Amino acid sequence: MARRVVITASGFILPLGSTPGEVLAALEEPHGPFERWAGDRHVSVCPVAGFDLRSHVGRCKNARYLTRGQQLCLTAAVRAVAEAALGPQHLDRAGLFLGLGPNLQAVPREDKALWLLDCLPNTLAATLAETLGLHGENLTVMTACAGSTQALGQAFRTVAAGLADVALAGGGDSRLSPEGVRAYRQAGVLATDFVRPEEACRPFDRDRSGFAIGEGAAMFVLESLEHATARGAKVLAEVVGASSSLDGGSLTGPDPAGTSAARAVRQCMEKLGTRDLCVLAHGTGTVLNDEAEAAVLSGTVPNARAVCAFKSRMGHLASACGAAELAVGLVCAEAGRFPSIANLENPAWPDLPLLRRPMALRPKNLLLQSFGFGGQNACLGLKEFKAGKDAA
């Protein structure tokens, strides 16, 4: 029988802040902290202001091999472990599951003997293992925008199956580089029709034209309920379902019918249910992705209490977007208040429960959806934690 799995801590560093109080204060504003990209004034970005790795984690001898996104992820992981009060006895066999993106700046360098480490997807995992003393099950997932959500799902399955009592999972990413911005520009996915940068991203709106680029990281501690209870850990939520699927169509655009994505949602909903459900939507603000996701929402969770779209307030965090949106969602659920979708003035799907104004809500169920390039779909289902053998 599968073990119950709970989230006992989160660590995050986002454009909205790095503490629950900072995030909640930022969400009270009508817009997120967007600005124009210095290298291209037609691009809207949402950076983590003033980030410096050393100020968060001290000296890190391998920092030169880590991208900015990976450094953000390292910071989030250290913060999550500290919040969970995990010691060496808990971490020695702990699992590690990371959703990361490619290093678009990696090139051969004569002045850097080990430049190969810039290219390897597991360089951050090795750094985290050395920094935190992690030696258990591990996996680095690079499934585009679904990466960190899928990493969380793998951590959930690992702990549920008894392969680890504790797992650290999530992701980090930053495409705020000339190479990253250029790649998105050439792919035609960035918002272009805006006057002010904070108005660029408008998920599910008739006038949407693309997304704005964000950056950041979020990491979570997952434990078996028995392990968490034995050490008296606070429980933030219970993970009850995880799923993923592939469209098998375009290398970039989603399946317009959303067939495989809907299958992943339904699979994740089997132990979740639609009662008192809040959906943390992917909500990129691109024409094709919003259309496909709206079809999925209409066909799977039409009776949800609310549909959120946090990218409208902190940008698209690429492979880290799912973990980041879960971190914000858990902060909102704890506070009992969810923000409106910024810039949603003319909903393209008025029948969906899209949040057009702030809502006082403490949902019993959360559904996280992430849909990425290559037709990658990933979902995670969470319940308000209740003790007791049959609570799940």
Protein backbone atom coordinates (compact mmCIF):
# COMPACT_ATOMS: atom_id res chain seq x y z
CA MET A 1 0.00 0.00 0.00
CA ALA A 2 1.32 3.44 -0.99
CA ARG A 3 2.33 5.72 1.86
CA ARG A 4 0.77 9.12 2.40
CA VAL A 5 3.04 11.97 1.32
CA VAL A 6 3.03 15.49 2.74
CA ILE A 7 4.82 18.76 2.06
CA THR A 8 6.51 20.03 5.20
CA ALA A 9 8.44 23.06 3.95
CA SER A 10 9.03 25.31 0.99
CA GLY A 11 11.85 27.63 0.05
CA PHE A 12 11.51 30.13 -2.76
CA ILE A 13 13.09 33.19 -4.29
CA LEU A 14 10.77 34.88 -6.78
CA PRO A 15 10.14 38.26 -8.36
CA LEU A 16 7.32 38.60 -5.80
CA GLY A 17 9.63 37.98 -2.83
CA SER A 18 11.25 35.23 -0.80
CA THR A 19 8.92 35.11 2.23
CA PRO A 20 5.15 34.61 2.52
CA GLY A 21 4.76 38.17 3.80
CA GLU A 22 6.61 39.64 0.81
CA VAL A 23 4.60 37.55 -1.63
CA LEU A 24 1.26 38.50 -0.09
CA ALA A 25 2.19 42.18 -0.08
CA ALA A 26 3.21 41.99 -3.75
CA LEU A 27 -0.06 40.28 -4.67
CA GLU A 28 -2.00 43.19 -3.17
CA GLU A 29 -0.62 45.38 -5.95
CA PRO A 30 -2.58 45.60 -9.21
CA HIS A 31 0.43 44.35 -11.20
CA GLY A 32 3.67 42.47 -10.71
CA PRO A 33 7.15 44.09 -10.72
CA PHE A 34 7.66 43.97 -14.49
CA GLU A 35 10.09 46.16 -16.42
CA ARG A 36 11.40 46.50 -19.95
CA TRP A 37 14.39 44.36 -20.89
CA ALA A 38 17.45 46.60 -21.15
CA GLY A 39 18.64 44.86 -24.31
CA ASP A 40 15.28 45.02 -26.09
CA ARG A 41 12.74 47.60 -25.00
CA HIS A 42 9.96 45.63 -26.71
CA VAL A 43 10.34 42.75 -24.23
CA SER A 44 8.76 42.68 -20.75
CA VAL A 45 10.64 40.88 -17.97
CA CYS A 46 10.15 40.22 -14.26
CA PRO A 47 13.52 39.71 -12.51
CA VAL A 48 14.46 38.77 -8.98
CA ALA A 49 15.84 42.10 -7.82
CA GLY A 50 19.30 42.28 -6.28
CA PHE A 51 19.99 38.54 -6.21
CA ASP A 52 23.45 37.52 -5.02
CA LEU A 53 24.15 33.86 -4.26
CA ARG A 54 26.81 34.54 -1.63
CA SER A 55 24.44 36.63 0.49
CA HIS A 56 22.06 33.67 0.73
CA VAL A 57 24.28 30.60 1.00
CA GLY A 58 27.77 31.93 1.70
CA ARG A 59 30.78 30.83 -0.29
CA CYS A 60 30.05 28.25 -3.01
CA LYS A 61 33.19 27.02 -4.78
CA ASN A 62 31.15 25.59 -7.70
CA ALA A 63 29.07 28.69 -8.34
CA ARG A 64 31.02 29.40 -11.55
CA TYR A 65 29.52 26.26 -13.09
CA LEU A 66 25.94 27.18 -12.25
CA THR A 67 23.61 29.30 -14.34
CA ARG A 68 21.67 32.10 -12.69
CA GLY A 69 18.60 29.87 -12.64
CA GLN A 70 20.57 27.08 -10.96
CA GLN A 71 21.95 29.51 -8.38
CA LEU A 72 18.40 30.60 -7.61
CA CYS A 73 17.45 26.93 -7.22
CA LEU A 74 20.39 26.28 -4.89
CA THR A 75 19.21 29.19 -2.75
CA ALA A 76 15.64 27.90 -2.65
CA ALA A 77 16.83 24.42 -1.67
CA VAL A 78 18.94 25.72 1.21
CA ARG A 79 15.98 27.79 2.42
CA ALA A 80 13.60 24.80 2.22
CA VAL A 81 15.93 22.56 4.23
CA ALA A 82 16.36 25.27 6.86
CA GLU A 83 12.60 25.83 7.12
CA ALA A 84 12.02 22.10 7.53
CA ALA A 85 14.74 21.89 10.22
CA LEU A 86 16.24 18.85 8.52
CA GLY A 87 19.58 17.62 9.83
CA PRO A 88 22.21 15.23 8.42
CA GLN A 89 20.33 12.24 9.84
CA HIS A 90 17.34 13.16 7.64
CA LEU A 91 19.24 14.14 4.52
CA ASP A 92 21.73 11.30 4.10
CA ARG A 93 19.25 9.12 2.18
CA ALA A 94 16.94 11.90 1.04
CA GLY A 95 15.89 12.07 -2.59
CA LEU A 96 16.54 15.01 -4.91
CA PHE A 97 14.36 15.84 -7.91
CA LEU A 98 15.03 18.93 -10.00
CA GLY A 99 13.21 20.55 -12.90
CA LEU A 100 15.77 22.60 -14.82
CA GLY A 101 16.26 24.26 -18.19
CA PRO A 102 19.21 24.23 -20.60
CA ASN A 103 22.20 26.52 -20.25
CA LEU A 104 21.82 28.61 -23.40
CA GLN A 105 25.10 30.40 -22.66
CA ALA A 106 27.29 27.28 -22.49
CA VAL A 107 30.19 27.35 -24.97
CA PRO A 108 33.70 25.83 -25.06
CA ARG A 109 36.17 28.09 -23.23
CA GLU A 110 39.95 27.99 -23.17
CA ASP A 111 40.02 29.77 -19.81
CA LYS A 112 37.76 27.25 -18.09
CA ALA A 113 39.14 23.70 -17.99
CA LEU A 114 35.88 22.14 -16.80
CA TRP A 115 33.52 24.09 -19.07
CA LEU A 116 31.85 20.75 -19.79
CA LEU A 117 30.13 21.12 -16.40
CA ASP A 118 28.27 24.14 -17.80
CA CYS A 119 26.48 21.79 -20.19
CA LEU A 120 25.71 18.81 -17.95
CA PRO A 121 22.13 18.80 -16.62
CA ASN A 122 23.14 17.20 -13.29
CA THR A 123 25.77 19.77 -12.26
CA LEU A 124 23.35 21.43 -9.85
CA ALA A 125 22.31 18.05 -8.39
CA ALA A 126 25.97 17.29 -7.67
CA THR A 127 26.42 20.71 -6.09
CA LEU A 128 23.35 20.28 -3.91
CA ALA A 129 24.48 16.80 -2.86
CA GLU A 130 27.80 18.23 -1.72
CA THR A 131 26.24 21.29 -0.07
CA LEU A 132 23.40 19.57 1.79
CA GLY A 133 24.63 16.00 2.16
CA LEU A 134 22.02 14.36 -0.08
CA HIS A 135 22.78 10.81 -1.22
CA GLY A 136 19.47 9.16 -2.15
CA GLU A 137 17.23 8.65 -5.20
CA ASN A 138 17.66 11.54 -7.64
CA LEU A 139 16.66 12.76 -11.05
CA THR A 140 17.11 15.92 -13.10
CA VAL A 141 14.08 16.55 -15.30
CA MET A 142 14.33 18.73 -18.40
CA THR A 143 10.83 18.60 -19.85
CA ALA A 144 10.60 22.30 -20.67
CA CYS A 145 7.87 24.22 -18.80
CA ALA A 146 6.58 21.00 -17.22
CA GLY A 147 9.96 20.22 -15.63
CA SER A 148 9.53 21.25 -12.00
CA THR A 149 5.96 19.95 -11.79
CA GLN A 150 7.12 16.60 -13.14
CA ALA A 151 10.04 16.62 -10.69
CA LEU A 152 7.57 17.11 -7.84
CA GLY A 153 5.53 14.20 -9.19
CA GLN A 154 8.58 11.94 -9.26
CA ALA A 155 9.43 12.90 -5.69
CA PHE A 156 5.86 12.11 -4.64
CA ARG A 157 6.01 8.66 -6.22
CA THR A 158 9.42 7.92 -4.73
CA VAL A 159 8.32 8.73 -1.18
CA ALA A 160 4.94 7.01 -1.63
CA ALA A 161 6.71 3.84 -2.80
CA GLY A 162 9.00 3.79 0.22
CA LEU A 163 12.21 4.43 -1.72
CA ALA A 164 12.88 7.50 0.43
CA ASP A 165 11.38 8.97 3.59
CA VAL A 166 12.36 12.51 2.59
CA ALA A 167 12.77 14.16 -0.79
CA LEU A 168 13.71 17.64 -1.91
CA ALA A 169 11.98 18.67 -5.13
CA GLY A 170 11.23 21.66 -7.33
CA GLY A 171 13.18 23.74 -9.80
CA GLY A 172 14.79 27.00 -10.82
CA ASP A 173 15.30 28.84 -14.07
CA SER A 174 16.22 32.16 -15.65
CA ARG A 175 16.11 33.07 -19.32
CA LEU A 176 17.07 36.67 -18.60
CA SER A 177 20.11 36.63 -20.85
CA PRO A 178 20.64 37.85 -24.42
CA GLU A 179 20.52 34.23 -25.60
CA GLY A 180 17.34 33.44 -23.67
CA VAL A 181 15.47 36.54 -24.77
CA ARG A 182 16.56 36.02 -28.38
CA ALA A 183 15.40 32.40 -28.33
CA TYR A 184 11.95 33.35 -27.10
CA ARG A 185 11.72 36.25 -29.54
CA GLN A 186 12.54 33.99 -32.47
CA ALA A 187 10.01 31.42 -31.27
CA GLY A 188 7.32 34.11 -31.38
CA VAL A 189 5.99 33.49 -27.87
CA LEU A 190 6.66 36.85 -26.19
CA ALA A 191 4.02 39.51 -25.64
CA THR A 192 4.57 42.40 -28.03
CA ASP A 193 1.37 44.41 -27.98
CA PHE A 194 1.71 46.41 -24.77
CA VAL A 195 2.20 50.01 -23.70
CA ARG A 196 3.48 49.35 -20.19
CA PRO A 197 5.57 46.25 -19.30
CA GLU A 198 3.24 45.24 -16.42
CA GLU A 199 0.39 44.95 -18.93
CA ALA A 200 2.22 42.60 -21.31
CA CYS A 201 1.05 39.23 -19.99
CA ARG A 202 -2.74 38.81 -20.05
CA PRO A 203 -3.69 35.12 -19.63
CA PHE A 204 -7.08 34.04 -20.98
CA ASP A 205 -7.83 37.55 -22.29
CA ARG A 206 -9.08 38.15 -25.83
CA ASP A 207 -6.19 40.58 -26.40
CA ARG A 208 -3.39 38.29 -25.19
CA SER A 209 -0.29 38.22 -27.40
CA GLY A 210 2.29 36.18 -25.48
CA PHE A 211 4.08 35.98 -22.16
CA ALA A 212 6.61 38.05 -20.24
CA ILE A 213 9.85 36.46 -19.02
CA GLY A 214 10.28 35.84 -15.31
CA GLU A 215 12.91 34.05 -13.26
CA GLY A 216 13.16 32.38 -9.89
CA ALA A 217 13.07 29.10 -8.02
CA ALA A 218 11.02 27.12 -5.53
CA MET A 219 11.91 23.92 -3.69
CA PHE A 220 9.83 21.74 -1.36
CA VAL A 221 10.45 19.11 1.27
CA LEU A 222 8.25 16.04 0.78
CA GLU A 223 8.06 13.39 3.48
CA SER A 224 6.11 10.29 4.28
CA LEU A 225 3.42 11.15 6.79
CA GLU A 226 4.95 8.72 9.29
CA HIS A 227 8.35 10.39 9.04
CA ALA A 228 6.90 13.90 9.32
CA THR A 229 4.75 12.94 12.31
CA ALA A 230 7.63 11.24 14.10
CA ARG A 231 9.73 14.38 14.02
CA GLY A 232 6.84 16.75 14.74
CA ALA A 233 7.01 18.57 11.40
CA LYS A 234 4.41 21.11 10.34
CA VAL A 235 2.41 19.94 7.32
CA LEU A 236 1.59 22.45 4.58
CA ALA A 237 -0.44 20.11 2.36
CA GLU A 238 -0.83 16.50 1.32
CA VAL A 239 0.12 15.37 -2.18
CA VAL A 240 -2.41 12.85 -3.46
CA GLY A 241 -1.81 12.66 -7.19
CA ALA A 242 0.71 13.25 -9.95
CA SER A 243 0.52 12.61 -13.66
CA SER A 244 2.18 13.44 -16.96
CA SER A 245 1.61 12.85 -20.65
CA LEU A 246 2.85 13.74 -24.15
CA ASP A 247 0.86 15.31 -26.95
CA GLY A 248 2.95 13.69 -29.68
CA GLY A 249 2.22 16.53 -32.10
CA SER A 250 4.06 19.81 -32.68
CA LEU A 251 7.51 20.40 -31.21
CA THR A 252 6.34 23.76 -29.87
CA GLY A 253 2.57 24.28 -30.02
CA PRO A 254 0.10 22.29 -27.90
CA ASP A 255 -2.48 19.87 -29.24
CA PRO A 256 -5.46 22.20 -29.88
CA ALA A 257 -7.88 19.53 -28.63
CA GLY A 258 -5.85 19.01 -25.45
CA THR A 259 -6.54 15.27 -25.50
CA SER A 260 -3.40 14.06 -23.73
CA ALA A 261 -3.33 17.06 -21.40
CA ALA A 262 -6.92 16.36 -20.36
CA ARG A 263 -6.02 12.72 -19.73
CA ALA A 264 -3.25 13.84 -17.36
CA VAL A 265 -5.66 16.16 -15.52
CA ARG A 266 -8.29 13.42 -15.11
CA GLN A 267 -5.68 10.98 -13.84
CA CYS A 268 -4.49 13.51 -11.28
CA MET A 269 -8.07 14.25 -10.24
CA GLU A 270 -8.88 10.62 -9.37
CA LYS A 271 -7.96 11.11 -5.71
CA LEU A 272 -8.55 14.85 -5.65
CA GLY A 273 -12.13 15.48 -6.69
CA THR A 274 -13.68 18.70 -7.89
CA ARG A 275 -15.23 19.83 -4.60
CA ASP A 276 -13.80 23.13 -3.36
CA LEU A 277 -11.07 23.05 -6.02
CA CYS A 278 -8.69 25.85 -6.96
CA VAL A 279 -6.75 25.41 -10.21
CA LEU A 280 -3.26 26.84 -10.54
CA ALA A 281 -3.38 27.15 -14.31
CA HIS A 282 -0.41 27.26 -16.68
CA GLY A 283 -1.89 30.44 -18.14
CA THR A 284 0.96 31.69 -20.33
CA GLY A 285 -0.98 34.36 -22.18
CA THR A 286 -0.02 32.99 -25.60
CA VAL A 287 -2.80 32.57 -28.14
CA LEU A 288 -2.39 28.82 -28.68
CA ASN A 289 -1.57 27.67 -25.15
CA ASP A 290 -4.45 29.51 -23.50
CA GLU A 291 -6.85 28.17 -26.08
CA ALA A 292 -5.75 24.58 -25.52
CA GLU A 293 -5.75 24.95 -21.74
CA ALA A 294 -9.21 26.53 -21.76
CA ALA A 295 -10.47 23.47 -23.63
CA VAL A 296 -8.89 21.22 -21.00
CA LEU A 297 -10.39 23.21 -18.14
CA SER A 298 -13.85 23.22 -19.72
CA GLY A 299 -13.75 19.47 -20.21
CA THR A 300 -12.29 18.43 -16.86
CA VAL A 301 -12.93 20.94 -14.06
CA PRO A 302 -15.76 23.26 -15.15
CA ASN A 303 -17.06 23.45 -11.57
CA ALA A 304 -13.82 24.56 -9.96
CA ARG A 305 -14.15 27.36 -7.41
CA ALA A 306 -11.41 29.41 -9.03
CA VAL A 307 -8.77 29.38 -11.77
CA CYS A 308 -5.59 31.37 -11.02
CA ALA A 309 -2.87 32.45 -13.44
CA PHE A 310 0.19 33.60 -11.52
CA LYS A 311 2.30 34.23 -14.64
CA SER A 312 0.31 37.43 -15.04
CA ARG A 313 2.03 38.66 -11.85
CA MET A 314 5.57 37.26 -12.01
CA GLY A 315 6.16 36.22 -15.61
CA HIS A 316 6.92 32.81 -17.09
CA LEU A 317 9.64 31.03 -15.13
CA ALA A 318 10.20 28.37 -17.80
CA SER A 319 11.08 25.00 -16.24
CA ALA A 320 10.57 26.45 -12.74
CA CYS A 321 7.07 27.80 -13.37
CA GLY A 322 5.14 24.91 -11.79
CA ALA A 323 7.12 24.88 -8.56
CA ALA A 324 6.98 28.67 -8.33
CA GLU A 325 3.23 28.73 -8.86
CA LEU A 326 2.74 26.01 -6.26
CA ALA A 327 4.78 28.03 -3.76
CA VAL A 328 2.60 31.09 -4.35
CA GLY A 329 -0.56 28.97 -4.30
CA LEU A 330 0.28 27.49 -0.92
CA VAL A 331 1.00 30.96 0.47
CA CYS A 332 -2.38 32.17 -0.80
CA ALA A 333 -4.20 29.10 0.54
CA GLU A 334 -2.66 29.58 3.98
CA ALA A 335 -3.65 33.27 3.98
CA GLY A 336 -7.12 32.50 2.62
CA ARG A 337 -6.87 35.00 -0.21
CA PHE A 338 -6.12 34.61 -3.93
CA PRO A 339 -5.36 37.49 -6.30
CA SER A 340 -7.17 38.29 -9.51
CA ILE A 341 -5.57 37.44 -12.85
CA ALA A 342 -3.79 40.65 -13.80
CA ASN A 343 -4.83 42.30 -17.06
CA LEU A 344 -7.85 40.04 -17.54
CA GLU A 345 -10.20 42.68 -18.91
CA ASN A 346 -12.00 40.79 -21.69
CA PRO A 347 -12.12 37.06 -20.87
CA ALA A 348 -12.03 34.89 -23.96
CA TRP A 349 -13.81 32.16 -21.98
CA PRO A 350 -16.35 33.89 -19.74
CA ASP A 351 -17.89 30.59 -18.64
CA LEU A 352 -14.70 29.49 -16.88
CA PRO A 353 -14.26 30.48 -13.19
CA LEU A 354 -11.31 32.74 -13.99
CA LEU A 355 -10.41 35.01 -11.09
CA ARG A 356 -11.33 38.51 -12.24
CA ARG A 357 -11.16 39.94 -8.71
CA PRO A 358 -9.46 38.88 -5.47
CA MET A 359 -11.21 36.04 -3.68
CA ALA A 360 -11.28 35.01 -0.02
CA LEU A 361 -10.72 31.28 -0.33
CA ARG A 362 -9.16 28.43 1.64
CA PRO A 363 -9.46 25.61 -0.91
CA LYS A 364 -9.53 22.01 0.23
CA ASN A 365 -8.01 20.93 -3.09
CA LEU A 366 -5.33 22.40 -5.37
CA LEU A 367 -4.61 21.31 -8.93
CA LEU A 368 -1.32 22.45 -10.48
CA GLN A 369 -1.11 22.34 -14.29
CA SER A 370 2.02 22.77 -16.42
CA PHE A 371 2.19 22.39 -20.20
CA GLY A 372 5.49 22.79 -22.04
CA PHE A 373 7.25 22.79 -25.41
CA GLY A 374 7.31 19.36 -27.00
CA GLY A 375 3.77 18.64 -25.81
CA GLN A 376 4.93 17.96 -22.24
CA ASN A 377 2.03 17.89 -19.77
CA ALA A 378 2.32 17.53 -15.99
CA CYS A 379 -0.14 17.87 -13.11
CA LEU A 380 0.05 17.66 -9.34
CA GLY A 381 -2.90 17.26 -6.97
CA LEU A 382 -2.83 18.45 -3.36
CA LYS A 383 -5.30 18.32 -0.49
CA GLU A 384 -5.67 20.28 2.68
CA PHE A 385 -3.98 18.06 5.24
CA LYS A 386 -6.17 16.03 7.58
CA ALA A 387 -4.82 13.52 10.07
CA GLY A 388 -6.29 10.07 10.28
CA LYS A 389 -5.93 6.79 8.45
CA ASP A 390 -8.65 7.40 5.87
CA ALA A 391 -8.30 11.17 5.51
CA ALA A 392 -6.79 10.96 2.04
